[in-house]
């Protein structure tokens, strides 16, 4: 029996993906011509968005933040002036991997200013992230247009532009290796080495740790694989050790970073925004315990779950990448970066997660404004909305997906309320002016986000037993949509 909701979901999905792609290349015409047309459209869209992304990065190349002036540019200048001999010194606040990238960038010093070349490093890995997400979507759906849209969404994502093109930050580097790790696990291959590289780039790579441990337990891989993670760090540190840098300096990077700041949140829209009155010492211990317990529970759930298929694997990775920075203290606004990109891939696999990807971007920009423009009042609504994302993602992972709907009124309400909040924050500017208008706009955005997530995740009347289940890689049916033709 086909319900009204099922028919409505079908119509909306056809509008979003394209009728020809839902039908498959073998229906309603010459399959070769249909496939060729689909590829031409996908390539044209990717090229067009690629050029737009390059233009945005070019226009933002001269924007310098305080961090770029104090840290990134002097690090680059040191690498340029000292060459390989500079590896003997701890001239950056990051692991040796970033020092190597600066040395490579310095070889192209004639191309532009130091800040532009520092940002170019981020841009290269941003492109890598976009390609990795496109590959994830392509292998799971075999739909060229979806893969192309995934590439464009990552390449042009507001948080990606903010992070690299505007700020010159390096979160795209560890995120690239994180996405590669997830992609490998989705293909039933070992992604531990890539995860180890991500952790060797920045400590934030550990956000994927609960997922990786769960996959090790799930696939009964030998626990000795865990030793590969510090082993990769040591291998990547060999050049600086040979150059004369001390062991303490190399292996104490993350310990030094842990003692840099003494605040429970560094503009990160997480639980510690909502628990701002907690004493620092108590918050540190509570946050670490809470994150460790939640991460272990997630690993055990992944290991024991009977669900399979690329969508489940990617959803589990998204939960890990979201849950860790949400619970851990001392997080920066940038640390949801990997989740924001993984959620785009998830939305392209299954449209029911489109609100998750959109809300994640909105929350990210609200948090970024706190550092960029001193508009700190945007962090609270972002934290409230991130709390909703955590709840719905964990609930979906636990219960499994149900139906999908496209609630037009909920989308309209979220767009209007979000536009109102941004307008108010920009108009008021920096400061702590908590007015009735601010409380109203914050409440409206949170309520609209809740309604959007709830309405988009509607149960079908036939019940879960009648729903098509996501298939393993190799089967082109994803979330009940048959792409096999």
Protein backbone atom coordinates (compact mmCIF):
# COMPACT_ATOMS: atom_id res chain seq x y z
CA UNK A 1 0.00 0.00 0.00
CA UNK A 2 1.44 3.39 -1.04
CA UNK A 3 0.68 6.13 1.45
CA UNK A 4 0.23 9.83 0.79
CA UNK A 5 3.53 10.55 2.61
CA UNK A 6 5.34 7.99 0.46
CA UNK A 7 4.08 9.60 -2.74
CA UNK A 8 4.98 13.07 -1.49
CA UNK A 9 8.48 11.89 -0.52
CA UNK A 10 8.94 10.36 -3.98
CA UNK A 11 7.93 13.59 -5.69
CA UNK A 12 10.23 15.71 -3.60
CA UNK A 13 13.14 13.34 -4.07
CA UNK A 14 12.67 13.37 -7.82
CA UNK A 15 12.75 17.14 -7.78
CA UNK A 16 15.97 17.17 -5.77
CA UNK A 17 17.88 14.47 -7.62
CA UNK A 18 16.44 14.70 -11.11
CA UNK A 19 13.79 12.49 -12.70
CA UNK A 20 16.15 10.95 -15.22
CA UNK A 21 18.58 9.94 -12.49
CA UNK A 22 15.84 8.36 -10.38
CA UNK A 23 14.69 6.33 -13.38
CA UNK A 24 18.20 5.24 -14.19
CA UNK A 25 20.05 5.24 -17.49
CA UNK A 26 18.13 2.27 -18.86
CA UNK A 27 14.64 3.77 -18.73
CA UNK A 28 12.89 6.28 -20.92
CA UNK A 29 15.47 6.60 -23.70
CA UNK A 30 18.92 5.67 -24.91
CA UNK A 31 20.90 4.73 -21.76
CA UNK A 32 24.20 5.86 -23.26
CA UNK A 33 22.83 9.29 -24.19
CA UNK A 34 21.15 9.67 -20.80
CA UNK A 35 24.34 8.77 -18.95
CA UNK A 36 26.45 11.03 -21.16
CA UNK A 37 24.05 13.92 -20.58
CA UNK A 38 24.14 13.30 -16.86
CA UNK A 39 27.93 13.34 -16.83
CA UNK A 40 28.11 16.51 -18.93
CA UNK A 41 25.76 18.30 -16.54
CA UNK A 42 27.70 17.06 -13.49
CA UNK A 43 31.05 18.14 -14.95
CA UNK A 44 29.69 21.55 -15.98
CA UNK A 45 28.30 22.17 -12.50
CA UNK A 46 31.59 21.13 -10.86
CA UNK A 47 33.69 23.33 -13.15
CA UNK A 48 31.40 26.33 -12.67
CA UNK A 49 31.42 26.01 -8.88
CA UNK A 50 35.14 25.33 -8.95
CA UNK A 51 35.80 28.64 -10.68
CA UNK A 52 33.51 30.48 -8.27
CA UNK A 53 35.40 28.95 -5.35
CA UNK A 54 38.74 30.02 -6.80
CA UNK A 55 37.44 33.56 -7.26
CA UNK A 56 36.27 33.73 -3.65
CA UNK A 57 39.64 32.53 -2.44
CA UNK A 58 41.42 35.07 -4.62
CA UNK A 59 39.37 37.98 -3.27
CA UNK A 60 40.02 36.87 0.33
CA UNK A 61 43.77 36.33 -0.11
CA UNK A 62 44.79 39.58 1.63
CA UNK A 63 42.49 39.27 4.65
CA UNK A 64 44.73 38.81 7.68
CA UNK A 65 43.59 37.78 11.15
CA UNK A 66 45.54 38.33 14.34
CA UNK A 67 46.51 34.65 14.36
CA UNK A 68 47.85 34.89 10.81
CA UNK A 69 49.95 37.94 11.65
CA UNK A 70 51.35 36.56 14.90
CA UNK A 71 51.83 32.92 13.91
CA UNK A 72 51.26 31.74 10.34
CA UNK A 73 53.22 34.45 8.50
CA UNK A 74 56.29 34.35 10.82
CA UNK A 75 56.30 30.55 10.55
CA UNK A 76 56.31 30.76 6.77
CA UNK A 77 59.06 33.40 6.74
CA UNK A 78 61.21 31.22 9.01
CA UNK A 79 60.71 28.20 6.73
CA UNK A 80 61.57 30.29 3.66
CA UNK A 81 64.69 31.83 5.18
CA UNK A 82 66.13 28.71 6.84
CA UNK A 83 65.10 25.97 4.42
CA UNK A 84 65.61 22.36 5.48
CA UNK A 85 67.97 23.46 8.24
CA UNK A 86 65.02 25.08 9.98
CA UNK A 87 63.56 21.64 10.76
CA UNK A 88 65.89 21.47 13.73
CA UNK A 89 63.81 24.19 15.38
CA UNK A 90 60.24 24.05 16.65
CA UNK A 91 59.31 27.10 14.60
CA UNK A 92 55.57 26.30 14.46
CA UNK A 93 53.05 25.43 17.15
CA UNK A 94 51.98 22.39 15.16
CA UNK A 95 53.37 18.92 14.51
CA UNK A 96 56.25 18.39 12.02
CA UNK A 97 53.84 17.66 9.16
CA UNK A 98 52.86 21.32 8.87
CA UNK A 99 56.52 22.36 8.85
CA UNK A 100 57.04 20.21 5.75
CA UNK A 101 54.09 21.87 4.04
CA UNK A 102 55.49 25.33 4.79
CA UNK A 103 58.83 24.33 3.29
CA UNK A 104 57.07 23.15 0.14
CA UNK A 105 55.04 26.36 -0.06
CA UNK A 106 58.22 28.42 0.38
CA UNK A 107 59.56 26.93 -2.85
CA UNK A 108 56.89 28.98 -4.63
CA UNK A 109 57.67 32.20 -2.80
CA UNK A 110 57.92 34.08 -6.10
CA UNK A 111 54.23 33.47 -6.78
CA UNK A 112 52.81 35.71 -4.08
CA UNK A 113 52.87 37.12 -0.58
CA UNK A 114 53.50 34.85 2.44
CA UNK A 115 49.87 35.02 3.57
CA UNK A 116 48.62 33.99 0.14
CA UNK A 117 50.93 30.98 0.07
CA UNK A 118 49.89 29.95 3.58
CA UNK A 119 46.28 30.08 2.46
CA UNK A 120 47.19 28.14 -0.69
CA UNK A 121 48.17 25.19 1.53
CA UNK A 122 44.68 25.17 3.01
CA UNK A 123 43.11 25.56 -0.44
CA UNK A 124 44.89 22.48 -1.76
CA UNK A 125 43.51 20.34 1.05
CA UNK A 126 40.09 21.97 0.76
CA UNK A 127 40.07 20.76 -2.82
CA UNK A 128 41.12 17.35 -1.53
CA UNK A 129 38.23 17.36 0.95
CA UNK A 130 35.77 18.23 -1.82
CA UNK A 131 37.09 15.40 -3.99
CA UNK A 132 36.99 12.94 -1.07
CA UNK A 133 33.36 13.79 -0.30
CA UNK A 134 32.45 13.53 -3.99
CA UNK A 135 34.10 10.09 -4.11
CA UNK A 136 32.16 8.96 -1.04
CA UNK A 137 28.88 10.02 -2.64
CA UNK A 138 29.74 8.58 -6.05
CA UNK A 139 30.68 5.15 -4.73
CA UNK A 140 27.53 4.95 -2.64
CA UNK A 141 25.02 6.23 -5.22
CA UNK A 142 26.65 6.00 -8.68
CA UNK A 143 24.78 9.23 -9.52
CA UNK A 144 27.09 11.77 -11.22
CA UNK A 145 24.99 14.83 -10.33
CA UNK A 146 24.92 13.97 -6.62
CA UNK A 147 28.69 13.53 -6.56
CA UNK A 148 29.12 16.83 -8.39
CA UNK A 149 26.80 18.66 -5.99
CA UNK A 150 28.70 17.15 -3.05
CA UNK A 151 31.96 18.51 -4.48
CA UNK A 152 30.43 21.96 -4.97
CA UNK A 153 28.82 22.04 -1.53
CA UNK A 154 32.15 21.35 0.19
CA UNK A 155 34.23 23.63 -2.05
CA UNK A 156 31.82 26.53 -1.50
CA UNK A 157 30.74 25.80 2.08
CA UNK A 158 30.74 29.02 4.16
CA UNK A 159 32.75 27.44 6.99
CA UNK A 160 35.33 26.17 4.50
CA UNK A 161 35.72 29.64 2.98
CA UNK A 162 35.95 31.18 6.45
CA UNK A 163 38.48 28.66 7.73
CA UNK A 164 40.95 28.66 4.89
CA UNK A 165 40.43 31.54 2.48
CA UNK A 166 39.65 34.13 5.16
CA UNK A 167 41.58 32.90 8.19
CA UNK A 168 44.33 30.75 6.69
CA UNK A 169 43.66 27.97 9.21
CA UNK A 170 44.72 24.38 8.56
CA UNK A 171 41.70 22.31 9.59
CA UNK A 172 41.24 21.14 6.01
CA UNK A 173 44.49 19.14 6.33
CA UNK A 174 43.52 16.80 9.15
CA UNK A 175 39.94 16.72 7.87
CA UNK A 176 41.12 15.48 4.47
CA UNK A 177 42.83 12.46 5.99
CA UNK A 178 39.82 11.92 8.28
CA UNK A 179 37.47 11.81 5.28
CA UNK A 180 39.80 9.42 3.46
CA UNK A 181 39.73 7.15 6.52
CA UNK A 182 35.92 7.14 6.55
CA UNK A 183 35.81 6.51 2.80
CA UNK A 184 38.10 3.50 3.17
CA UNK A 185 35.99 2.00 5.94
CA UNK A 186 32.88 2.54 3.81
CA UNK A 187 34.57 0.47 1.09
CA UNK A 188 35.33 -2.33 3.56
CA UNK A 189 39.00 -1.40 3.62
CA UNK A 190 41.35 -0.48 6.44
CA UNK A 191 41.30 3.25 7.18
CA UNK A 192 43.52 3.20 10.26
CA UNK A 193 46.63 4.46 8.49
CA UNK A 194 44.81 7.51 7.15
CA UNK A 195 43.34 8.10 10.60
CA UNK A 196 46.84 7.92 12.04
CA UNK A 197 48.01 10.59 9.59
CA UNK A 198 45.06 12.81 10.55
CA UNK A 199 46.01 12.50 14.21
CA UNK A 200 49.65 13.19 13.34
CA UNK A 201 48.63 16.46 11.68
CA UNK A 202 46.48 17.77 14.54
CA UNK A 203 45.16 16.31 17.75
CA UNK A 204 41.61 17.01 16.54
CA UNK A 205 41.93 13.91 14.38
CA UNK A 206 41.08 11.99 17.56
CA UNK A 207 37.45 13.07 17.10
CA UNK A 208 37.12 10.10 14.75
CA UNK A 209 38.64 7.81 17.39
CA UNK A 210 35.38 6.29 18.72
CA UNK A 211 34.32 5.45 15.17
CA UNK A 212 37.69 3.87 14.34
CA UNK A 213 37.69 1.80 17.55
CA UNK A 214 34.15 0.68 16.78
CA UNK A 215 35.16 -0.43 13.28
CA UNK A 216 38.16 -2.32 14.66
CA UNK A 217 35.91 -4.19 17.09
CA UNK A 218 33.19 -4.67 14.49
CA UNK A 219 35.51 -6.24 11.94
CA UNK A 220 37.56 -8.12 14.52
CA UNK A 221 40.76 -6.48 13.43
CA UNK A 222 43.76 -7.16 15.62
CA UNK A 223 44.15 -4.64 18.41
CA UNK A 224 47.78 -4.24 17.37
CA UNK A 225 46.52 -1.93 14.63
CA UNK A 226 46.13 0.72 17.33
CA UNK A 227 49.92 0.82 17.61
CA UNK A 228 50.01 2.11 14.03
CA UNK A 229 48.67 5.48 15.20
CA UNK A 230 51.67 6.56 17.32
CA UNK A 231 53.88 4.68 14.87
CA UNK A 232 52.77 6.92 12.01
CA UNK A 233 53.45 9.98 14.14
CA UNK A 234 57.00 8.73 14.72
CA UNK A 235 57.58 8.00 11.03
CA UNK A 236 56.39 11.47 10.03
CA UNK A 237 58.71 12.98 12.66
CA UNK A 238 61.85 11.29 11.30
CA UNK A 239 62.99 14.25 9.13
CA UNK A 240 62.90 16.72 12.03
CA UNK A 241 64.61 14.25 14.34
CA UNK A 242 67.36 13.71 11.77
CA UNK A 243 67.68 17.50 11.44
CA UNK A 244 68.45 17.69 15.17
CA UNK A 245 65.16 18.53 16.87
CA UNK A 246 64.79 16.99 20.32
CA UNK A 247 62.43 14.11 21.11
CA UNK A 248 60.78 16.11 23.90
CA UNK A 249 60.01 18.94 21.51
CA UNK A 250 58.55 16.61 18.87
CA UNK A 251 56.40 14.49 21.13
CA UNK A 252 55.35 17.27 23.49
CA UNK A 253 53.45 19.29 20.89
CA UNK A 254 49.99 18.18 21.94
CA UNK A 255 50.79 18.54 25.63
CA UNK A 256 51.91 22.13 25.04
CA UNK A 257 48.73 22.85 23.07
CA UNK A 258 46.59 21.46 25.89
CA UNK A 259 47.98 24.09 28.29
CA UNK A 260 47.63 27.04 25.91
CA UNK A 261 44.15 28.27 26.88
CA UNK A 262 42.23 28.19 30.14
CA UNK A 263 38.62 28.51 29.07
CA UNK A 264 36.03 25.75 28.78
CA UNK A 265 35.07 26.90 25.31
CA UNK A 266 36.90 28.98 22.73
CA UNK A 267 33.77 30.07 20.84
CA UNK A 268 32.87 26.45 20.14
CA UNK A 269 29.09 26.00 20.04
CA UNK A 270 29.03 23.04 22.39
CA UNK A 271 27.67 21.98 25.76
CA UNK A 272 30.09 24.24 27.64
CA UNK A 273 28.37 27.32 26.27
CA UNK A 274 25.27 26.12 28.10
CA UNK A 275 27.28 25.31 31.24
CA UNK A 276 29.32 28.51 31.30
CA UNK A 277 29.22 28.86 35.07
CA UNK A 278 31.10 25.61 35.68
CA UNK A 279 34.50 26.10 37.39
CA UNK A 280 37.37 25.50 34.99
CA UNK A 281 39.01 22.62 36.88
CA UNK A 282 35.72 20.79 37.37
CA UNK A 283 34.70 21.36 33.77
CA UNK A 284 37.94 19.92 32.42
CA UNK A 285 37.57 16.69 34.38
CA UNK A 286 33.84 16.38 33.75
CA UNK A 287 34.26 17.05 30.03
CA UNK A 288 37.01 14.49 29.58
CA UNK A 289 35.09 11.83 31.50
CA UNK A 290 31.87 12.57 29.64
CA UNK A 291 33.56 12.47 26.24
CA UNK A 292 35.47 9.28 27.05
CA UNK A 293 32.35 7.49 28.31
CA UNK A 294 30.26 8.62 25.34
CA UNK A 295 33.01 7.71 22.88
CA UNK A 296 33.36 4.23 24.38
CA UNK A 297 29.59 3.72 24.29
CA UNK A 298 29.56 4.77 20.62
CA UNK A 299 32.39 2.34 19.81
CA UNK A 300 30.57 -0.54 21.47
CA UNK A 301 27.33 0.33 19.68
CA UNK A 302 29.08 0.40 16.29
CA UNK A 303 30.73 -2.95 17.02
CA UNK A 304 27.48 -4.65 18.05
CA UNK A 305 25.09 -3.07 15.57
CA UNK A 306 23.62 -5.34 12.91
CA UNK A 307 23.09 -2.48 10.52
CA UNK A 308 25.39 -2.28 7.52
CA UNK A 309 25.90 -0.34 4.34
CA UNK A 310 27.64 2.92 3.44
CA UNK A 311 24.97 5.16 4.94
CA UNK A 312 25.24 3.54 8.36
CA UNK A 313 29.04 3.74 8.32
CA UNK A 314 28.97 7.41 7.34
CA UNK A 315 26.29 8.22 9.91
CA UNK A 316 28.38 6.58 12.64
CA UNK A 317 31.40 8.64 11.56
CA UNK A 318 29.32 11.83 11.65
CA UNK A 319 28.13 11.06 15.18
CA UNK A 320 31.74 10.56 16.30
CA UNK A 321 32.93 13.78 14.63
CA UNK A 322 30.05 15.73 16.17
CA UNK A 323 29.88 14.19 19.62
CA UNK A 324 33.54 14.65 20.57
CA UNK A 325 33.90 18.43 20.01
CA UNK A 326 30.40 18.90 21.46
CA UNK A 327 31.36 17.28 24.78
CA UNK A 328 35.05 18.07 25.13
CA UNK A 329 36.13 21.31 26.86
CA UNK A 330 38.55 23.91 25.45
CA UNK A 331 37.26 23.50 21.89
CA UNK A 332 37.59 26.19 19.22
CA UNK A 333 34.83 27.16 16.81
CA UNK A 334 36.79 25.48 14.01
CA UNK A 335 36.72 22.01 15.51
CA UNK A 336 33.33 21.04 14.03
CA UNK A 337 34.94 21.38 10.59
CA UNK A 338 35.19 17.64 9.84
CA UNK A 339 31.61 17.04 10.94
CA UNK A 340 30.36 19.89 8.78
CA UNK A 341 31.92 18.33 5.68
CA UNK A 342 30.95 14.75 6.54
CA UNK A 343 27.36 15.86 7.06
CA UNK A 344 27.32 17.20 3.48
CA UNK A 345 28.25 13.72 2.24
CA UNK A 346 25.53 12.22 4.43
CA UNK A 347 22.94 14.64 3.05
CA UNK A 348 23.90 13.69 -0.52
CA UNK A 349 23.49 10.00 0.32
CA UNK A 350 20.10 10.54 1.94
CA UNK A 351 18.12 13.81 1.64
CA UNK A 352 16.64 13.33 5.11
CA UNK A 353 19.95 14.67 6.46
CA UNK A 354 19.88 17.85 4.39
CA UNK A 355 18.68 19.90 7.40
CA UNK A 356 21.63 18.55 9.42
CA UNK A 357 24.16 19.80 6.87
CA UNK A 358 22.46 23.20 6.53
CA UNK A 359 22.08 23.76 10.27
CA UNK A 360 25.72 22.73 10.78
CA UNK A 361 26.84 25.43 8.35
CA UNK A 362 24.66 28.07 10.00
CA UNK A 363 25.98 27.14 13.45
CA UNK A 364 29.53 27.21 12.16
CA UNK A 365 29.20 30.70 10.72
CA UNK A 366 27.55 31.97 13.91
CA UNK A 367 30.53 30.67 15.88
CA UNK A 368 33.08 32.06 13.42
CA UNK A 369 31.57 35.53 13.77
CA UNK A 370 32.62 35.55 17.43
CA UNK A 371 36.30 35.55 16.43
CA UNK A 372 36.02 37.37 13.13
CA UNK A 373 33.83 40.28 14.26
CA UNK A 374 33.52 39.92 18.03
CA UNK A 375 29.82 39.02 17.69
CA UNK A 376 29.80 36.55 20.56
CA UNK A 377 26.02 36.45 20.98
CA UNK A 378 25.75 34.13 17.99
CA UNK A 379 27.42 31.28 19.88
CA UNK A 380 24.42 30.61 22.16
CA UNK A 381 21.86 29.91 19.40
CA UNK A 382 24.53 27.87 17.60
CA UNK A 383 25.08 25.78 20.74
CA UNK A 384 21.33 25.22 21.13
CA UNK A 385 20.99 24.10 17.52
CA UNK A 386 24.08 21.86 17.80
CA UNK A 387 22.43 20.22 20.80
CA UNK A 388 19.47 19.36 18.58
CA UNK A 389 21.81 17.95 15.93
CA UNK A 390 23.50 15.71 18.49
CA UNK A 391 20.14 14.45 19.73
CA UNK A 392 18.76 13.64 16.28
CA UNK A 393 21.95 12.06 14.97
CA UNK A 394 22.30 9.79 18.00
CA UNK A 395 18.60 8.93 17.77
CA UNK A 396 18.92 8.04 14.08
CA UNK A 397 22.00 5.92 14.73
CA UNK A 398 20.21 4.10 17.54
CA UNK A 399 16.79 3.59 15.95
CA UNK A 400 17.64 3.57 12.28
CA UNK A 401 16.18 5.79 9.58
CA UNK A 402 12.47 6.05 8.91
CA UNK A 403 10.90 8.22 6.25
CA UNK A 404 11.85 11.45 4.53
CA UNK A 405 9.73 14.49 3.87
CA UNK A 406 10.43 17.96 2.53
CA UNK A 407 8.57 20.31 4.91
CA UNK A 408 8.35 23.55 2.95
CA UNK A 409 6.90 25.58 5.81
CA UNK A 410 9.61 24.38 8.21
CA UNK A 411 12.31 25.34 5.71
CA UNK A 412 10.71 28.73 5.19
CA UNK A 413 10.52 29.31 8.95
CA UNK A 414 14.16 28.34 9.45
CA UNK A 415 15.39 30.54 6.60
CA UNK A 416 13.40 33.58 7.76
CA UNK A 417 14.31 33.22 11.44
CA UNK A 418 17.99 32.65 10.62
CA UNK A 419 18.06 35.70 8.37
CA UNK A 420 16.49 37.71 11.19
CA UNK A 421 19.07 36.51 13.70
CA UNK A 422 22.01 37.29 11.41
CA UNK A 423 20.57 40.72 10.64
CA UNK A 424 20.14 41.50 14.33
CA UNK A 425 23.64 40.30 15.26
CA UNK A 426 25.33 42.25 12.48
CA UNK A 427 23.30 45.37 13.27
CA UNK A 428 24.08 45.21 17.00
CA UNK A 429 27.72 44.31 16.43
CA UNK A 430 30.16 43.16 19.14
CA UNK A 431 29.19 43.06 22.78
CA UNK A 432 26.81 41.37 25.21
CA UNK A 433 23.60 43.30 24.57
CA UNK A 434 21.06 40.61 25.54
CA UNK A 435 17.86 42.37 24.58
CA UNK A 436 14.31 40.97 24.17
CA UNK A 437 14.84 41.04 20.40
CA UNK A 438 17.94 38.85 20.76
CA UNK A 439 16.08 36.37 22.95
CA UNK A 440 13.22 36.31 20.46
CA UNK A 441 15.43 35.67 17.43
CA UNK A 442 17.43 33.04 19.30
CA UNK A 443 14.25 31.26 20.34
CA UNK A 444 12.80 31.41 16.84
CA UNK A 445 15.93 29.95 15.21
CA UNK A 446 16.10 27.13 17.76
CA UNK A 447 12.41 26.35 17.41
CA UNK A 448 12.63 26.46 13.62
CA UNK A 449 15.65 24.12 13.66
CA UNK A 450 13.80 21.71 15.94
CA UNK A 451 10.73 21.77 13.70
CA UNK A 452 12.83 21.31 10.57
CA UNK A 453 14.69 18.30 11.96
CA UNK A 454 11.50 16.76 13.33
CA UNK A 455 9.42 17.26 10.19
CA UNK A 456 12.18 16.07 7.85
CA UNK A 457 12.48 12.80 9.77
CA UNK A 458 8.88 11.65 9.46
CA UNK A 459 7.86 8.03 10.00
CA UNK A 460 6.12 6.32 7.10
CA UNK A 461 2.69 4.93 7.90
CA UNK A 462 3.65 1.46 6.74
CA UNK A 463 6.14 1.16 9.61
CA UNK A 464 9.83 0.33 9.61
CA UNK A 465 9.33 -3.27 8.55
CA UNK A 466 7.97 -2.13 5.19
CA UNK A 467 10.78 0.31 4.50
CA UNK A 468 13.53 -0.51 2.00
CA UNK A 469 16.81 -0.85 3.86
CA UNK A 470 20.09 0.74 2.72
CA UNK A 471 22.21 -1.78 0.88
CA UNK A 472 25.87 -2.63 0.97
CA UNK A 473 28.30 -0.98 -1.41
CA UNK A 474 27.82 -2.37 -4.88
CA UNK A 475 24.04 -2.21 -4.69
CA UNK A 476 22.85 1.11 -6.11
CA UNK A 477 19.76 1.35 -3.92
CA UNK A 478 20.31 3.95 -1.28
CA UNK A 479 17.63 4.80 1.28
CA UNK A 480 14.87 3.24 -0.74
CA UNK A 481 15.74 4.88 -4.07
CA UNK A 482 16.64 2.56 -6.92
CA UNK A 483 19.39 3.95 -9.14
CA UNK A 484 20.16 0.65 -10.84
CA UNK A 485 18.15 1.32 -13.98
